[in-house]
Amino acid sequence: MQRSSDLETSAGSTGKSDVLVTVQRIKGDLKIELKSTLKNLYSESQKLIIKDTVNKLKEDHLLISVEDNQALDFVLKARLKAAVSALQRTEESS
């Protein structure tokens, strides 16, 4: 995996019932790195949520790092949207 820039943006926190999402533009297809307290139970569901959200945002070529601490699905979606939006704004201004 080759990064296309050093820009990365984050949204959320590692607090209880929250999730920290960090995104960075890469060369190549979408890559998801998932750390979760309930990874064995929900990792596939979380990956589907991430892929669906990224598709709706018409984005690809992203490295998405997720540190989940039992966040609900809508929190994951909101944090991901916020991180991607921040990345887009940062890229537009540079």
N, C-alpha and C. Protein backbone atom coordinates (compact mmCIF):
# COMPACT_ATOMS: atom_id res chain seq x y z
N MET A 1 0.84 -1.17 0.00
CA MET A 1 0.00 0.00 0.00
C MET A 1 0.89 1.23 0.00
N GLN A 2 0.62 2.12 -0.93
CA GLN A 2 1.39 3.35 -1.02
C GLN A 2 0.47 4.52 -0.74
N ARG A 3 0.89 5.36 0.15
CA ARG A 3 0.08 6.53 0.48
C ARG A 3 0.26 7.58 -0.61
N SER A 4 -0.84 8.25 -0.96
CA SER A 4 -0.73 9.28 -1.98
C SER A 4 -0.46 10.64 -1.37
N SER A 5 -0.61 10.77 -0.06
CA SER A 5 -0.25 12.00 0.64
C SER A 5 -0.08 11.68 2.12
N ASP A 6 0.48 12.65 2.83
CA ASP A 6 0.64 12.47 4.27
C ASP A 6 -0.55 13.02 5.04
N LEU A 7 -1.55 13.52 4.32
CA LEU A 7 -2.73 14.06 4.99
C LEU A 7 -3.56 12.94 5.59
N GLU A 8 -3.94 13.12 6.83
CA GLU A 8 -4.89 12.22 7.46
C GLU A 8 -5.77 13.03 8.38
N THR A 9 -7.00 12.61 8.49
CA THR A 9 -7.95 13.30 9.36
C THR A 9 -8.64 12.27 10.24
N SER A 10 -9.11 12.74 11.39
CA SER A 10 -9.76 11.85 12.34
C SER A 10 -11.05 12.47 12.86
N ALA A 11 -11.92 11.61 13.35
CA ALA A 11 -13.14 12.05 14.03
C ALA A 11 -13.46 11.04 15.11
N GLY A 12 -13.97 11.52 16.24
CA GLY A 12 -14.35 10.64 17.32
C GLY A 12 -13.30 10.57 18.41
N SER A 13 -13.45 9.57 19.27
CA SER A 13 -12.52 9.37 20.37
C SER A 13 -12.47 7.88 20.72
N THR A 14 -11.58 7.55 21.63
CA THR A 14 -11.48 6.16 22.08
C THR A 14 -12.24 5.93 23.38
N GLY A 15 -13.09 6.88 23.74
CA GLY A 15 -13.89 6.76 24.95
C GLY A 15 -14.95 5.67 24.83
N LYS A 16 -15.51 5.29 25.96
CA LYS A 16 -16.55 4.26 26.02
C LYS A 16 -17.72 4.63 25.12
N SER A 17 -18.19 3.66 24.36
CA SER A 17 -19.32 3.80 23.43
C SER A 17 -19.04 4.77 22.30
N ASP A 18 -17.76 4.98 21.98
CA ASP A 18 -17.39 5.85 20.87
C ASP A 18 -16.42 5.11 19.96
N VAL A 19 -16.04 5.76 18.89
CA VAL A 19 -15.14 5.17 17.92
C VAL A 19 -14.25 6.28 17.37
N LEU A 20 -12.97 5.99 17.19
CA LEU A 20 -12.04 6.91 16.56
C LEU A 20 -11.80 6.42 15.14
N VAL A 21 -12.14 7.26 14.17
CA VAL A 21 -11.96 6.92 12.76
C VAL A 21 -10.92 7.85 12.18
N THR A 22 -9.88 7.28 11.56
CA THR A 22 -8.84 8.04 10.89
C THR A 22 -8.82 7.63 9.43
N VAL A 23 -8.80 8.62 8.53
CA VAL A 23 -8.77 8.32 7.10
C VAL A 23 -7.58 9.00 6.45
N GLN A 24 -7.06 8.32 5.43
CA GLN A 24 -5.94 8.83 4.67
C GLN A 24 -6.08 8.36 3.24
N ARG A 25 -5.74 9.21 2.29
CA ARG A 25 -5.80 8.87 0.87
C ARG A 25 -4.63 7.94 0.55
N ILE A 26 -4.90 6.87 -0.20
CA ILE A 26 -3.86 5.93 -0.62
C ILE A 26 -3.99 5.67 -2.11
N LYS A 27 -2.96 5.10 -2.68
CA LYS A 27 -3.02 4.61 -4.06
C LYS A 27 -3.45 3.16 -3.97
N GLY A 28 -4.50 2.82 -4.65
CA GLY A 28 -5.02 1.46 -4.57
C GLY A 28 -6.41 1.47 -3.98
N ASP A 29 -6.92 0.28 -3.77
CA ASP A 29 -8.30 0.12 -3.31
C ASP A 29 -8.45 0.42 -1.82
N LEU A 30 -9.70 0.52 -1.41
CA LEU A 30 -10.06 0.77 -0.03
C LEU A 30 -9.42 -0.27 0.89
N LYS A 31 -8.84 0.21 2.00
CA LYS A 31 -8.25 -0.69 3.00
C LYS A 31 -8.81 -0.30 4.35
N ILE A 32 -9.26 -1.30 5.10
CA ILE A 32 -9.86 -1.06 6.41
C ILE A 32 -9.03 -1.77 7.48
N GLU A 33 -8.59 -1.00 8.48
CA GLU A 33 -7.91 -1.56 9.64
C GLU A 33 -8.84 -1.38 10.83
N LEU A 34 -9.21 -2.48 11.45
CA LEU A 34 -10.23 -2.43 12.50
C LEU A 34 -9.69 -2.98 13.81
N LYS A 35 -9.75 -2.16 14.85
CA LYS A 35 -9.44 -2.58 16.22
C LYS A 35 -10.72 -2.39 17.01
N SER A 36 -11.18 -3.45 17.65
CA SER A 36 -12.46 -3.37 18.36
C SER A 36 -12.45 -4.26 19.58
N THR A 37 -13.11 -3.81 20.63
CA THR A 37 -13.24 -4.64 21.82
C THR A 37 -14.15 -5.84 21.55
N LEU A 38 -14.97 -5.75 20.53
CA LEU A 38 -15.88 -6.84 20.17
C LEU A 38 -15.63 -7.31 18.73
N LYS A 39 -14.37 -7.33 18.33
CA LYS A 39 -14.02 -7.63 16.95
C LYS A 39 -14.57 -8.98 16.48
N ASN A 40 -14.49 -9.98 17.32
CA ASN A 40 -14.96 -11.31 16.91
C ASN A 40 -16.45 -11.33 16.61
N LEU A 41 -17.20 -10.51 17.29
CA LEU A 41 -18.66 -10.50 17.10
C LEU A 41 -19.12 -9.61 15.96
N TYR A 42 -18.48 -8.44 15.80
CA TYR A 42 -19.04 -7.43 14.92
C TYR A 42 -18.15 -6.96 13.78
N SER A 43 -16.98 -7.53 13.60
CA SER A 43 -16.06 -6.98 12.59
C SER A 43 -16.64 -7.01 11.18
N GLU A 44 -17.30 -8.09 10.80
CA GLU A 44 -17.86 -8.16 9.45
C GLU A 44 -18.97 -7.13 9.26
N SER A 45 -19.81 -6.98 10.26
CA SER A 45 -20.88 -5.98 10.21
C SER A 45 -20.31 -4.57 10.11
N GLN A 46 -19.28 -4.30 10.89
CA GLN A 46 -18.66 -2.98 10.87
C GLN A 46 -18.01 -2.70 9.52
N LYS A 47 -17.36 -3.71 8.95
CA LYS A 47 -16.73 -3.53 7.63
C LYS A 47 -17.79 -3.24 6.57
N LEU A 48 -18.92 -3.91 6.64
CA LEU A 48 -20.01 -3.65 5.68
C LEU A 48 -20.53 -2.22 5.84
N ILE A 49 -20.69 -1.77 7.06
CA ILE A 49 -21.13 -0.40 7.32
C ILE A 49 -20.14 0.60 6.73
N ILE A 50 -18.86 0.35 6.95
CA ILE A 50 -17.81 1.24 6.44
C ILE A 50 -17.84 1.26 4.91
N LYS A 51 -17.88 0.09 4.28
CA LYS A 51 -17.89 0.03 2.82
C LYS A 51 -19.12 0.71 2.24
N ASP A 52 -20.29 0.48 2.84
CA ASP A 52 -21.53 1.10 2.37
C ASP A 52 -21.45 2.62 2.49
N THR A 53 -20.96 3.10 3.61
CA THR A 53 -20.85 4.54 3.83
C THR A 53 -19.88 5.18 2.84
N VAL A 54 -18.74 4.54 2.63
CA VAL A 54 -17.75 5.06 1.68
C VAL A 54 -18.32 5.08 0.27
N ASN A 55 -19.06 4.04 -0.11
CA ASN A 55 -19.69 4.01 -1.43
C ASN A 55 -20.69 5.14 -1.59
N LYS A 56 -21.49 5.40 -0.56
CA LYS A 56 -22.47 6.49 -0.62
C LYS A 56 -21.79 7.85 -0.73
N LEU A 57 -20.59 7.96 -0.18
CA LEU A 57 -19.83 9.21 -0.26
C LEU A 57 -19.06 9.31 -1.58
N LYS A 58 -19.16 8.26 -2.40
CA LYS A 58 -18.46 8.19 -3.69
C LYS A 58 -16.95 8.38 -3.51
N GLU A 59 -16.42 7.68 -2.54
CA GLU A 59 -15.00 7.73 -2.24
C GLU A 59 -14.39 6.34 -2.41
N ASP A 60 -13.13 6.32 -2.71
CA ASP A 60 -12.34 5.09 -2.71
C ASP A 60 -10.89 5.52 -2.49
N HIS A 61 -9.98 4.64 -2.63
CA HIS A 61 -8.57 4.95 -2.43
C HIS A 61 -8.32 5.55 -1.04
N LEU A 62 -8.90 4.91 -0.05
CA LEU A 62 -8.75 5.37 1.33
C LEU A 62 -8.21 4.26 2.22
N LEU A 63 -7.39 4.65 3.16
CA LEU A 63 -7.03 3.79 4.28
C LEU A 63 -7.87 4.28 5.45
N ILE A 64 -8.70 3.41 5.97
CA ILE A 64 -9.58 3.76 7.08
C ILE A 64 -9.18 2.93 8.29
N SER A 65 -8.73 3.63 9.33
CA SER A 65 -8.36 2.97 10.58
C SER A 65 -9.45 3.26 11.60
N VAL A 66 -9.94 2.20 12.23
CA VAL A 66 -11.05 2.32 13.16
C VAL A 66 -10.64 1.71 14.50
N GLU A 67 -10.76 2.51 15.56
CA GLU A 67 -10.56 2.02 16.93
C GLU A 67 -11.91 2.11 17.62
N ASP A 68 -12.59 0.97 17.71
CA ASP A 68 -13.96 0.94 18.22
C ASP A 68 -13.99 0.52 19.69
N ASN A 69 -14.81 1.22 20.46
CA ASN A 69 -15.01 0.87 21.86
C ASN A 69 -16.52 0.74 22.11
N GLN A 70 -17.14 -0.18 21.38
CA GLN A 70 -18.55 -0.52 21.51
C GLN A 70 -19.48 0.61 21.07
N ALA A 71 -19.10 1.31 20.01
CA ALA A 71 -19.96 2.36 19.46
C ALA A 71 -21.13 1.73 18.69
N LEU A 72 -22.25 2.40 18.71
CA LEU A 72 -23.39 1.96 17.91
C LEU A 72 -23.14 2.27 16.43
N ASP A 73 -23.89 1.59 15.56
CA ASP A 73 -23.68 1.74 14.12
C ASP A 73 -23.77 3.18 13.66
N PHE A 74 -24.77 3.91 14.15
CA PHE A 74 -24.95 5.29 13.68
C PHE A 74 -23.78 6.18 14.10
N VAL A 75 -23.12 5.85 15.21
CA VAL A 75 -21.95 6.61 15.64
C VAL A 75 -20.79 6.34 14.68
N LEU A 76 -20.59 5.08 14.32
CA LEU A 76 -19.55 4.72 13.36
C LEU A 76 -19.76 5.46 12.04
N LYS A 77 -20.98 5.45 11.53
CA LYS A 77 -21.28 6.14 10.26
C LYS A 77 -20.99 7.64 10.38
N ALA A 78 -21.44 8.24 11.46
CA ALA A 78 -21.24 9.69 11.64
C ALA A 78 -19.77 10.05 11.74
N ARG A 79 -19.02 9.27 12.49
CA ARG A 79 -17.57 9.54 12.63
C ARG A 79 -16.86 9.36 11.30
N LEU A 80 -17.23 8.34 10.54
CA LEU A 80 -16.62 8.10 9.24
C LEU A 80 -16.93 9.25 8.28
N LYS A 81 -18.19 9.66 8.23
CA LYS A 81 -18.57 10.79 7.36
C LYS A 81 -17.81 12.05 7.75
N ALA A 82 -17.67 12.31 9.03
CA ALA A 82 -16.95 13.50 9.49
C ALA A 82 -15.48 13.45 9.12
N ALA A 83 -14.85 12.30 9.26
CA ALA A 83 -13.43 12.17 8.93
C ALA A 83 -13.19 12.32 7.43
N VAL A 84 -14.05 11.71 6.61
CA VAL A 84 -13.91 11.83 5.15
C VAL A 84 -14.16 13.27 4.72
N SER A 85 -15.16 13.91 5.27
CA SER A 85 -15.46 15.30 4.94
C SER A 85 -14.28 16.21 5.30
N ALA A 86 -13.68 15.98 6.44
CA ALA A 86 -12.52 16.77 6.85
C ALA A 86 -11.35 16.55 5.90
N LEU A 87 -11.15 15.32 5.46
CA LEU A 87 -10.08 15.02 4.50
C LEU A 87 -10.34 15.76 3.19
N GLN A 88 -11.56 15.72 2.69
CA GLN A 88 -11.90 16.40 1.45
C GLN A 88 -11.66 17.91 1.56
N ARG A 89 -12.08 18.51 2.67
CA ARG A 89 -11.86 19.95 2.87
C ARG A 89 -10.37 20.28 2.94
N THR A 90 -9.61 19.43 3.61
CA THR A 90 -8.17 19.66 3.73
C THR A 90 -7.50 19.56 2.36
N GLU A 91 -7.91 18.58 1.56
CA GLU A 91 -7.33 18.43 0.22
C GLU A 91 -7.68 19.61 -0.67
N GLU A 92 -8.91 20.11 -0.56
CA GLU A 92 -9.34 21.24 -1.38
C GLU A 92 -8.57 22.51 -1.04
N SER A 93 -8.21 22.67 0.22
CA SER A 93 -7.52 23.89 0.64
C SER A 93 -6.01 23.83 0.44
N SER A 94 -5.48 22.64 0.11
CA SER A 94 -4.02 22.56 -0.09
C SER A 94 -3.62 22.61 -1.54
